[in-house]
Amino acid sequence: IGNEKASRAVGMANNKNPLMIVIPCHRVIGANGN
């Protein structure tokens, strides 16, 4: 999204996704693969 320092904000937005599965927030993992 062009804001490489926004990892935490991306995580919070991911957490607020109202359309789970259809908007695939489950495909986001930690940087270490966890």
PDB file of all heavy atoms in Angstrom:
ATOM      1  N   ILE A   1       0.817  -1.218   0.000  1.00  0.00           N
ATOM      2  CA  ILE A   1       0.000   0.000   0.000  1.00  0.00           C
ATOM      3  C   ILE A   1       0.851   1.269   0.000  1.00  0.00           C
ATOM      4  O   ILE A   1       0.327   2.380   0.043  1.00  0.00           O
ATOM      5  CB  ILE A   1      -1.008   0.024   1.172  1.00  0.00           C
ATOM      6  CG1 ILE A   1      -0.300   0.092   2.519  1.00  0.00           C
ATOM      7  CG2 ILE A   1      -1.972  -1.150   1.083  1.00  0.00           C
ATOM      8  CD1 ILE A   1      -1.221   0.423   3.680  1.00  0.00           C
ATOM      9  N   GLY A   2       2.178   1.094  -0.055  1.00  0.00           N
ATOM     10  CA  GLY A   2       3.067   2.240  -0.168  1.00  0.00           C
ATOM     11  C   GLY A   2       3.430   2.922   1.128  1.00  0.00           C
ATOM     12  O   GLY A   2       3.836   4.077   1.141  1.00  0.00           O
ATOM     13  N   ASN A   3       3.314   2.187   2.245  1.00  0.00           N
ATOM     14  CA  ASN A   3       3.646   2.770   3.548  1.00  0.00           C
ATOM     15  C   ASN A   3       4.344   1.693   4.378  1.00  0.00           C
ATOM     16  O   ASN A   3       3.750   1.112   5.287  1.00  0.00           O
ATOM     17  CB  ASN A   3       2.380   3.274   4.239  1.00  0.00           C
ATOM     18  CG  ASN A   3       2.660   4.125   5.442  1.00  0.00           C
ATOM     19  OD1 ASN A   3       3.779   4.164   5.943  1.00  0.00           O
ATOM     20  ND2 ASN A   3       1.631   4.800   5.920  1.00  0.00           N
ATOM     21  N   GLU A   4       5.603   1.445   4.064  1.00  0.00           N
ATOM     22  CA  GLU A   4       6.311   0.301   4.636  1.00  0.00           C
ATOM     23  C   GLU A   4       6.454   0.342   6.148  1.00  0.00           C
ATOM     24  O   GLU A   4       6.731  -0.671   6.768  1.00  0.00           O
ATOM     25  CB  GLU A   4       7.668   0.122   3.973  1.00  0.00           C
ATOM     26  CG  GLU A   4       8.648   1.241   4.210  1.00  0.00           C
ATOM     27  CD  GLU A   4       9.933   1.027   3.448  1.00  0.00           C
ATOM     28  OE1 GLU A   4       9.870   0.851   2.212  1.00  0.00           O
ATOM     29  OE2 GLU A   4      10.992   1.019   4.098  1.00  0.00           O
ATOM     30  N   LYS A   5       6.257   1.505   6.780  1.00  0.00           N
ATOM     31  CA  LYS A   5       6.363   1.594   8.236  1.00  0.00           C
ATOM     32  C   LYS A   5       5.010   1.394   8.928  1.00  0.00           C
ATOM     33  O   LYS A   5       4.905   1.538  10.140  1.00  0.00           O
ATOM     34  CB  LYS A   5       6.946   2.943   8.633  1.00  0.00           C
ATOM     35  CG  LYS A   5       8.365   3.106   8.129  1.00  0.00           C
ATOM     36  CD  LYS A   5       8.992   4.367   8.643  1.00  0.00           C
ATOM     37  CE  LYS A   5      10.320   4.551   7.960  1.00  0.00           C
ATOM     38  NZ  LYS A   5      11.449   4.557   8.789  1.00  0.00           N
ATOM     39  N   ALA A   6       3.984   1.040   8.166  1.00  0.00           N
ATOM     40  CA  ALA A   6       2.626   0.948   8.714  1.00  0.00           C
ATOM     41  C   ALA A   6       2.199  -0.477   9.051  1.00  0.00           C
ATOM     42  O   ALA A   6       1.010  -0.775   9.073  1.00  0.00           O
ATOM     43  CB  ALA A   6       1.637   1.570   7.731  1.00  0.00           C
ATOM     44  N   SER A   7       3.147  -1.353   9.365  1.00  0.00           N
ATOM     45  CA  SER A   7       2.799  -2.757   9.638  1.00  0.00           C
ATOM     46  C   SER A   7       1.746  -2.889  10.734  1.00  0.00           C
ATOM     47  O   SER A   7       0.798  -3.667  10.604  1.00  0.00           O
ATOM     48  CB  SER A   7       4.040  -3.554  10.031  1.00  0.00           C
ATOM     49  OG  SER A   7       4.934  -3.620   8.963  1.00  0.00           O
ATOM     50  N   ARG A   8       1.907  -2.153  11.826  1.00  0.00           N
ATOM     51  CA  ARG A   8       0.922  -2.235  12.920  1.00  0.00           C
ATOM     52  C   ARG A   8      -0.436  -1.711  12.500  1.00  0.00           C
ATOM     53  O   ARG A   8      -1.462  -2.291  12.823  1.00  0.00           O
ATOM     54  CB  ARG A   8       1.407  -1.467  14.141  1.00  0.00           C
ATOM     55  CG  ARG A   8       2.376  -2.239  14.953  1.00  0.00           C
ATOM     56  CD  ARG A   8       2.694  -1.503  16.225  1.00  0.00           C
ATOM     57  NE  ARG A   8       3.901  -2.073  16.771  1.00  0.00           N
ATOM     58  CZ  ARG A   8       4.123  -2.222  18.050  1.00  0.00           C
ATOM     59  NH1 ARG A   8       3.253  -1.793  18.916  1.00  0.00           N
ATOM     60  NH2 ARG A   8       5.229  -2.771  18.461  1.00  0.00           N
ATOM     61  N   ALA A   9      -0.446  -0.598  11.777  1.00  0.00           N
ATOM     62  CA  ALA A   9      -1.711  -0.029  11.305  1.00  0.00           C
ATOM     63  C   ALA A   9      -2.387  -0.988  10.326  1.00  0.00           C
ATOM     64  O   ALA A   9      -3.610  -1.146  10.344  1.00  0.00           O
ATOM     65  CB  ALA A   9      -1.468   1.327  10.650  1.00  0.00           C
ATOM     66  N   VAL A  10      -1.590  -1.663   9.506  1.00  0.00           N
ATOM     67  CA  VAL A  10      -2.125  -2.679   8.594  1.00  0.00           C
ATOM     68  C   VAL A  10      -2.750  -3.812   9.406  1.00  0.00           C
ATOM     69  O   VAL A  10      -3.833  -4.297   9.091  1.00  0.00           O
ATOM     70  CB  VAL A  10      -1.025  -3.204   7.646  1.00  0.00           C
ATOM     71  CG1 VAL A  10      -1.439  -4.512   6.972  1.00  0.00           C
ATOM     72  CG2 VAL A  10      -0.684  -2.149   6.607  1.00  0.00           C
ATOM     73  N   GLY A  11      -2.081  -4.216  10.483  1.00  0.00           N
ATOM     74  CA  GLY A  11      -2.615  -5.258  11.355  1.00  0.00           C
ATOM     75  C   GLY A  11      -3.947  -4.859  11.970  1.00  0.00           C
ATOM     76  O   GLY A  11      -4.877  -5.658  12.042  1.00  0.00           O
ATOM     77  N   MET A  12      -4.047  -3.616  12.395  1.00  0.00           N
ATOM     78  CA  MET A  12      -5.300  -3.129  12.989  1.00  0.00           C
ATOM     79  C   MET A  12      -6.415  -3.076  11.942  1.00  0.00           C
ATOM     80  O   MET A  12      -7.555  -3.427  12.227  1.00  0.00           O
ATOM     81  CB  MET A  12      -5.094  -1.752  13.622  1.00  0.00           C
ATOM     82  CG  MET A  12      -4.193  -1.776  14.843  1.00  0.00           C
ATOM     83  SD  MET A  12      -4.738  -2.921  16.138  1.00  0.00           S
ATOM     84  CE  MET A  12      -6.269  -2.186  16.617  1.00  0.00           C
ATOM     85  N   ALA A  13      -6.080  -2.639  10.736  1.00  0.00           N
ATOM     86  CA  ALA A  13      -7.082  -2.609   9.667  1.00  0.00           C
ATOM     87  C   ALA A  13      -7.520  -4.028   9.314  1.00  0.00           C
ATOM     88  O   ALA A  13      -8.702  -4.288   9.071  1.00  0.00           O
ATOM     89  CB  ALA A  13      -6.514  -1.898   8.440  1.00  0.00           C
ATOM     90  N   ASN A  14      -6.563  -4.941   9.284  1.00  0.00           N
ATOM     91  CA  ASN A  14      -6.865  -6.347   9.017  1.00  0.00           C
ATOM     92  C   ASN A  14      -7.842  -6.880  10.061  1.00  0.00           C
ATOM     93  O   ASN A  14      -8.805  -7.574   9.746  1.00  0.00           O
ATOM     94  CB  ASN A  14      -5.562  -7.147   9.020  1.00  0.00           C
ATOM     95  CG  ASN A  14      -5.659  -8.458   8.313  1.00  0.00           C
ATOM     96  OD1 ASN A  14      -6.179  -8.537   7.207  1.00  0.00           O
ATOM     97  ND2 ASN A  14      -5.134  -9.500   8.928  1.00  0.00           N
ATOM     98  N   ASN A  15      -7.608  -6.502  11.312  1.00  0.00           N
ATOM     99  CA  ASN A  15      -8.448  -6.920  12.431  1.00  0.00           C
ATOM    100  C   ASN A  15      -9.874  -6.381  12.317  1.00  0.00           C
ATOM    101  O   ASN A  15     -10.802  -6.998  12.829  1.00  0.00           O
ATOM    102  CB  ASN A  15      -7.800  -6.452  13.742  1.00  0.00           C
ATOM    103  CG  ASN A  15      -8.613  -6.795  14.953  1.00  0.00           C
ATOM    104  OD1 ASN A  15      -9.479  -6.034  15.354  1.00  0.00           O
ATOM    105  ND2 ASN A  15      -8.325  -7.939  15.525  1.00  0.00           N
ATOM    106  N   LYS A  16     -10.056  -5.269  11.655  1.00  0.00           N
ATOM    107  CA  LYS A  16     -11.374  -4.641  11.512  1.00  0.00           C
ATOM    108  C   LYS A  16     -12.103  -5.058  10.240  1.00  0.00           C
ATOM    109  O   LYS A  16     -13.196  -4.559   9.955  1.00  0.00           O
ATOM    110  CB  LYS A  16     -11.240  -3.112  11.532  1.00  0.00           C
ATOM    111  CG  LYS A  16     -10.643  -2.544  12.795  1.00  0.00           C
ATOM    112  CD  LYS A  16     -11.549  -2.758  13.969  1.00  0.00           C
ATOM    113  CE  LYS A  16     -10.956  -2.121  15.224  1.00  0.00           C
ATOM    114  NZ  LYS A  16     -11.638  -2.542  16.421  1.00  0.00           N
ATOM    115  N   ASN A  17     -11.530  -5.959   9.478  1.00  0.00           N
ATOM    116  CA  ASN A  17     -12.146  -6.421   8.230  1.00  0.00           C
ATOM    117  C   ASN A  17     -13.541  -6.985   8.522  1.00  0.00           C
ATOM    118  O   ASN A  17     -13.674  -7.991   9.223  1.00  0.00           O
ATOM    119  CB  ASN A  17     -11.261  -7.504   7.599  1.00  0.00           C
ATOM    120  CG  ASN A  17     -11.894  -8.179   6.408  1.00  0.00           C
ATOM    121  OD1 ASN A  17     -12.842  -7.697   5.825  1.00  0.00           O
ATOM    122  ND2 ASN A  17     -11.357  -9.333   6.065  1.00  0.00           N
ATOM    123  N   PRO A  18     -14.591  -6.380   7.961  1.00  0.00           N
ATOM    124  CA  PRO A  18     -15.946  -6.868   8.236  1.00  0.00           C
ATOM    125  C   PRO A  18     -16.388  -8.036   7.356  1.00  0.00           C
ATOM    126  O   PRO A  18     -17.452  -8.598   7.582  1.00  0.00           O
ATOM    127  CB  PRO A  18     -16.813  -5.629   7.966  1.00  0.00           C
ATOM    128  CG  PRO A  18     -16.062  -4.884   6.919  1.00  0.00           C
ATOM    129  CD  PRO A  18     -14.605  -5.129   7.210  1.00  0.00           C
ATOM    130  N   LEU A  19     -15.582  -8.393   6.354  1.00  0.00           N
ATOM    131  CA  LEU A  19     -15.991  -9.435   5.418  1.00  0.00           C
ATOM    132  C   LEU A  19     -14.983 -10.582   5.383  1.00  0.00           C
ATOM    133  O   LEU A  19     -14.379 -10.894   4.352  1.00  0.00           O
ATOM    134  CB  LEU A  19     -16.182  -8.837   4.017  1.00  0.00           C
ATOM    135  CG  LEU A  19     -17.394  -7.915   3.887  1.00  0.00           C
ATOM    136  CD1 LEU A  19     -17.352  -7.135   2.586  1.00  0.00           C
ATOM    137  CD2 LEU A  19     -18.683  -8.697   4.022  1.00  0.00           C
ATOM    138  N   MET A  20     -14.814 -11.219   6.549  1.00  0.00           N
ATOM    139  CA  MET A  20     -13.856 -12.317   6.628  1.00  0.00           C
ATOM    140  C   MET A  20     -14.102 -13.350   5.544  1.00  0.00           C
ATOM    141  O   MET A  20     -15.218 -13.508   5.068  1.00  0.00           O
ATOM    142  CB  MET A  20     -13.912 -12.963   8.012  1.00  0.00           C
ATOM    143  CG  MET A  20     -15.170 -13.755   8.264  1.00  0.00           C
ATOM    144  SD  MET A  20     -14.996 -14.844   9.645  1.00  0.00           S
ATOM    145  CE  MET A  20     -15.759 -13.886  10.900  1.00  0.00           C
ATOM    146  N   ILE A  21     -13.075 -13.992   5.146  1.00  0.00           N
ATOM    147  CA  ILE A  21     -13.002 -15.013   4.101  1.00  0.00           C
ATOM    148  C   ILE A  21     -13.149 -14.380   2.719  1.00  0.00           C
ATOM    149  O   ILE A  21     -12.282 -14.560   1.880  1.00  0.00           O
ATOM    150  CB  ILE A  21     -14.014 -16.168   4.301  1.00  0.00           C
ATOM    151  CG1 ILE A  21     -13.786 -16.812   5.679  1.00  0.00           C
ATOM    152  CG2 ILE A  21     -13.899 -17.196   3.182  1.00  0.00           C
ATOM    153  CD1 ILE A  21     -14.881 -17.746   6.117  1.00  0.00           C
ATOM    154  N   VAL A  22     -14.218 -13.633   2.477  1.00  0.00           N
ATOM    155  CA  VAL A  22     -14.413 -12.995   1.179  1.00  0.00           C
ATOM    156  C   VAL A  22     -13.308 -11.965   0.936  1.00  0.00           C
ATOM    157  O   VAL A  22     -12.724 -11.919  -0.139  1.00  0.00           O
ATOM    158  CB  VAL A  22     -15.814 -12.352   1.082  1.00  0.00           C
ATOM    159  CG1 VAL A  22     -15.964 -11.547  -0.192  1.00  0.00           C
ATOM    160  CG2 VAL A  22     -16.893 -13.433   1.163  1.00  0.00           C
ATOM    161  N   ILE A  23     -13.011 -11.136   1.939  1.00  0.00           N
ATOM    162  CA  ILE A  23     -11.807 -10.311   1.939  1.00  0.00           C
ATOM    163  C   ILE A  23     -10.830 -11.100   2.803  1.00  0.00           C
ATOM    164  O   ILE A  23     -10.984 -11.167   4.015  1.00  0.00           O
ATOM    165  CB  ILE A  23     -12.058  -8.896   2.493  1.00  0.00           C
ATOM    166  CG1 ILE A  23     -13.053  -8.145   1.610  1.00  0.00           C
ATOM    167  CG2 ILE A  23     -10.735  -8.135   2.589  1.00  0.00           C
ATOM    168  CD1 ILE A  23     -13.402  -6.747   2.097  1.00  0.00           C
ATOM    169  N   PRO A  24      -9.861 -11.764   2.189  1.00  0.00           N
ATOM    170  CA  PRO A  24      -9.105 -12.835   2.846  1.00  0.00           C
ATOM    171  C   PRO A  24      -8.048 -12.392   3.865  1.00  0.00           C
ATOM    172  O   PRO A  24      -6.849 -12.579   3.676  1.00  0.00           O
ATOM    173  CB  PRO A  24      -8.472 -13.568   1.670  1.00  0.00           C
ATOM    174  CG  PRO A  24      -8.264 -12.498   0.655  1.00  0.00           C
ATOM    175  CD  PRO A  24      -9.447 -11.580   0.799  1.00  0.00           C
ATOM    176  N   CYS A  25      -8.502 -11.875   4.991  1.00  0.00           N
ATOM    177  CA  CYS A  25      -7.576 -11.462   6.052  1.00  0.00           C
ATOM    178  C   CYS A  25      -6.852 -12.666   6.662  1.00  0.00           C
ATOM    179  O   CYS A  25      -5.788 -12.507   7.262  1.00  0.00           O
ATOM    180  CB  CYS A  25      -8.300 -10.651   7.118  1.00  0.00           C
ATOM    181  SG  CYS A  25      -9.747 -11.456   7.819  1.00  0.00           S
ATOM    182  N   HIS A  26      -7.388 -13.861   6.473  1.00  0.00           N
ATOM    183  CA  HIS A  26      -6.736 -15.063   6.993  1.00  0.00           C
ATOM    184  C   HIS A  26      -5.418 -15.356   6.269  1.00  0.00           C
ATOM    185  O   HIS A  26      -4.608 -16.131   6.757  1.00  0.00           O
ATOM    186  CB  HIS A  26      -7.677 -16.275   6.899  1.00  0.00           C
ATOM    187  CG  HIS A  26      -8.096 -16.620   5.501  1.00  0.00           C
ATOM    188  ND1 HIS A  26      -9.126 -15.957   4.856  1.00  0.00           N
ATOM    189  CD2 HIS A  26      -7.617 -17.529   4.626  1.00  0.00           C
ATOM    190  CE1 HIS A  26      -9.268 -16.462   3.646  1.00  0.00           C
ATOM    191  NE2 HIS A  26      -8.357 -17.419   3.481  1.00  0.00           N
ATOM    192  N   ARG A  27      -5.188 -14.707   5.128  1.00  0.00           N
ATOM    193  CA  ARG A  27      -3.963 -14.927   4.358  1.00  0.00           C
ATOM    194  C   ARG A  27      -2.802 -14.059   4.836  1.00  0.00           C
ATOM    195  O   ARG A  27      -1.743 -14.066   4.216  1.00  0.00           O
ATOM    196  CB  ARG A  27      -4.231 -14.673   2.871  1.00  0.00           C
ATOM    197  CG  ARG A  27      -5.210 -15.672   2.268  1.00  0.00           C
ATOM    198  CD  ARG A  27      -5.461 -15.428   0.806  1.00  0.00           C
ATOM    199  NE  ARG A  27      -6.556 -16.288   0.357  1.00  0.00           N
ATOM    200  CZ  ARG A  27      -7.353 -15.995  -0.653  1.00  0.00           C
ATOM    201  NH1 ARG A  27      -7.167 -14.885  -1.347  1.00  0.00           N
ATOM    202  NH2 ARG A  27      -8.335 -16.806  -0.980  1.00  0.00           N
ATOM    203  N   VAL A  28      -2.998 -13.320   5.921  1.00  0.00           N
ATOM    204  CA  VAL A  28      -1.929 -12.467   6.446  1.00  0.00           C
ATOM    205  C   VAL A  28      -1.314 -13.141   7.665  1.00  0.00           C
ATOM    206  O   VAL A  28      -2.019 -13.566   8.581  1.00  0.00           O
ATOM    207  CB  VAL A  28      -2.464 -11.065   6.808  1.00  0.00           C
ATOM    208  CG1 VAL A  28      -1.332 -10.178   7.307  1.00  0.00           C
ATOM    209  CG2 VAL A  28      -3.142 -10.426   5.602  1.00  0.00           C
ATOM    210  N   ILE A  29       0.013 -13.234   7.638  1.00  0.00           N
ATOM    211  CA  ILE A  29       0.756 -13.917   8.692  1.00  0.00           C
ATOM    212  C   ILE A  29       1.854 -13.002   9.225  1.00  0.00           C
ATOM    213  O   ILE A  29       2.138 -11.959   8.629  1.00  0.00           O
ATOM    214  CB  ILE A  29       1.362 -15.245   8.167  1.00  0.00           C
ATOM    215  CG1 ILE A  29       2.303 -14.974   6.989  1.00  0.00           C
ATOM    216  CG2 ILE A  29       0.245 -16.217   7.774  1.00  0.00           C
ATOM    217  CD1 ILE A  29       3.065 -16.182   6.497  1.00  0.00           C
ATOM    218  N   GLY A  30       2.465 -13.407  10.308  1.00  0.00           N
ATOM    219  CA  GLY A  30       3.579 -12.647  10.857  1.00  0.00           C
ATOM    220  C   GLY A  30       4.798 -12.724   9.949  1.00  0.00           C
ATOM    221  O   GLY A  30       4.929 -13.642   9.138  1.00  0.00           O
ATOM    222  N   ALA A  31       5.698 -11.761  10.100  1.00  0.00           N
ATOM    223  CA  ALA A  31       6.915 -11.715   9.271  1.00  0.00           C
ATOM    224  C   ALA A  31       7.756 -12.973   9.418  1.00  0.00           C
ATOM    225  O   ALA A  31       8.451 -13.392   8.493  1.00  0.00           O
ATOM    226  CB  ALA A  31       7.748 -10.482   9.626  1.00  0.00           C
ATOM    227  N   ASN A  32       7.667 -13.626  10.591  1.00  0.00           N
ATOM    228  CA  ASN A  32       8.433 -14.847  10.837  1.00  0.00           C
ATOM    229  C   ASN A  32       7.709 -16.104  10.349  1.00  0.00           C
ATOM    230  O   ASN A  32       8.167 -17.215  10.566  1.00  0.00           O
ATOM    231  CB  ASN A  32       8.747 -14.967  12.331  1.00  0.00           C
ATOM    232  CG  ASN A  32       7.493 -15.018  13.186  1.00  0.00           C
ATOM    233  OD1 ASN A  32       6.371 -15.022  12.675  1.00  0.00           O
ATOM    234  ND2 ASN A  32       7.679 -15.062  14.491  1.00  0.00           N
ATOM    235  N   GLY A  33       6.548 -15.916   9.709  1.00  0.00           N
ATOM    236  CA  GLY A  33       5.788 -17.051   9.182  1.00  0.00           C
ATOM    237  C   GLY A  33       4.776 -17.616  10.143  1.00  0.00           C
ATOM    238  O   GLY A  33       4.009 -18.509   9.789  1.00  0.00           O
ATOM    239  N   ASN A  34       4.728 -17.100  11.373  1.00  0.00           N
ATOM    240  CA  ASN A  34       3.766 -17.582  12.357  1.00  0.00           C
ATOM    241  C   ASN A  34       2.365 -17.068  12.071  1.00  0.00           C
ATOM    242  O   ASN A  34       2.194 -15.961  11.557  1.00  0.00           O
ATOM    243  CB  ASN A  34       4.168 -17.141  13.770  1.00  0.00           C
ATOM    244  CG  ASN A  34       5.378 -17.893  14.279  1.00  0.00           C
ATOM    245  OD1 ASN A  34       5.721 -18.963  13.794  1.00  0.00           O
ATOM    246  ND2 ASN A  34       6.033 -17.311  15.267  1.00  0.00           N
TER     247      ASN A  34
END
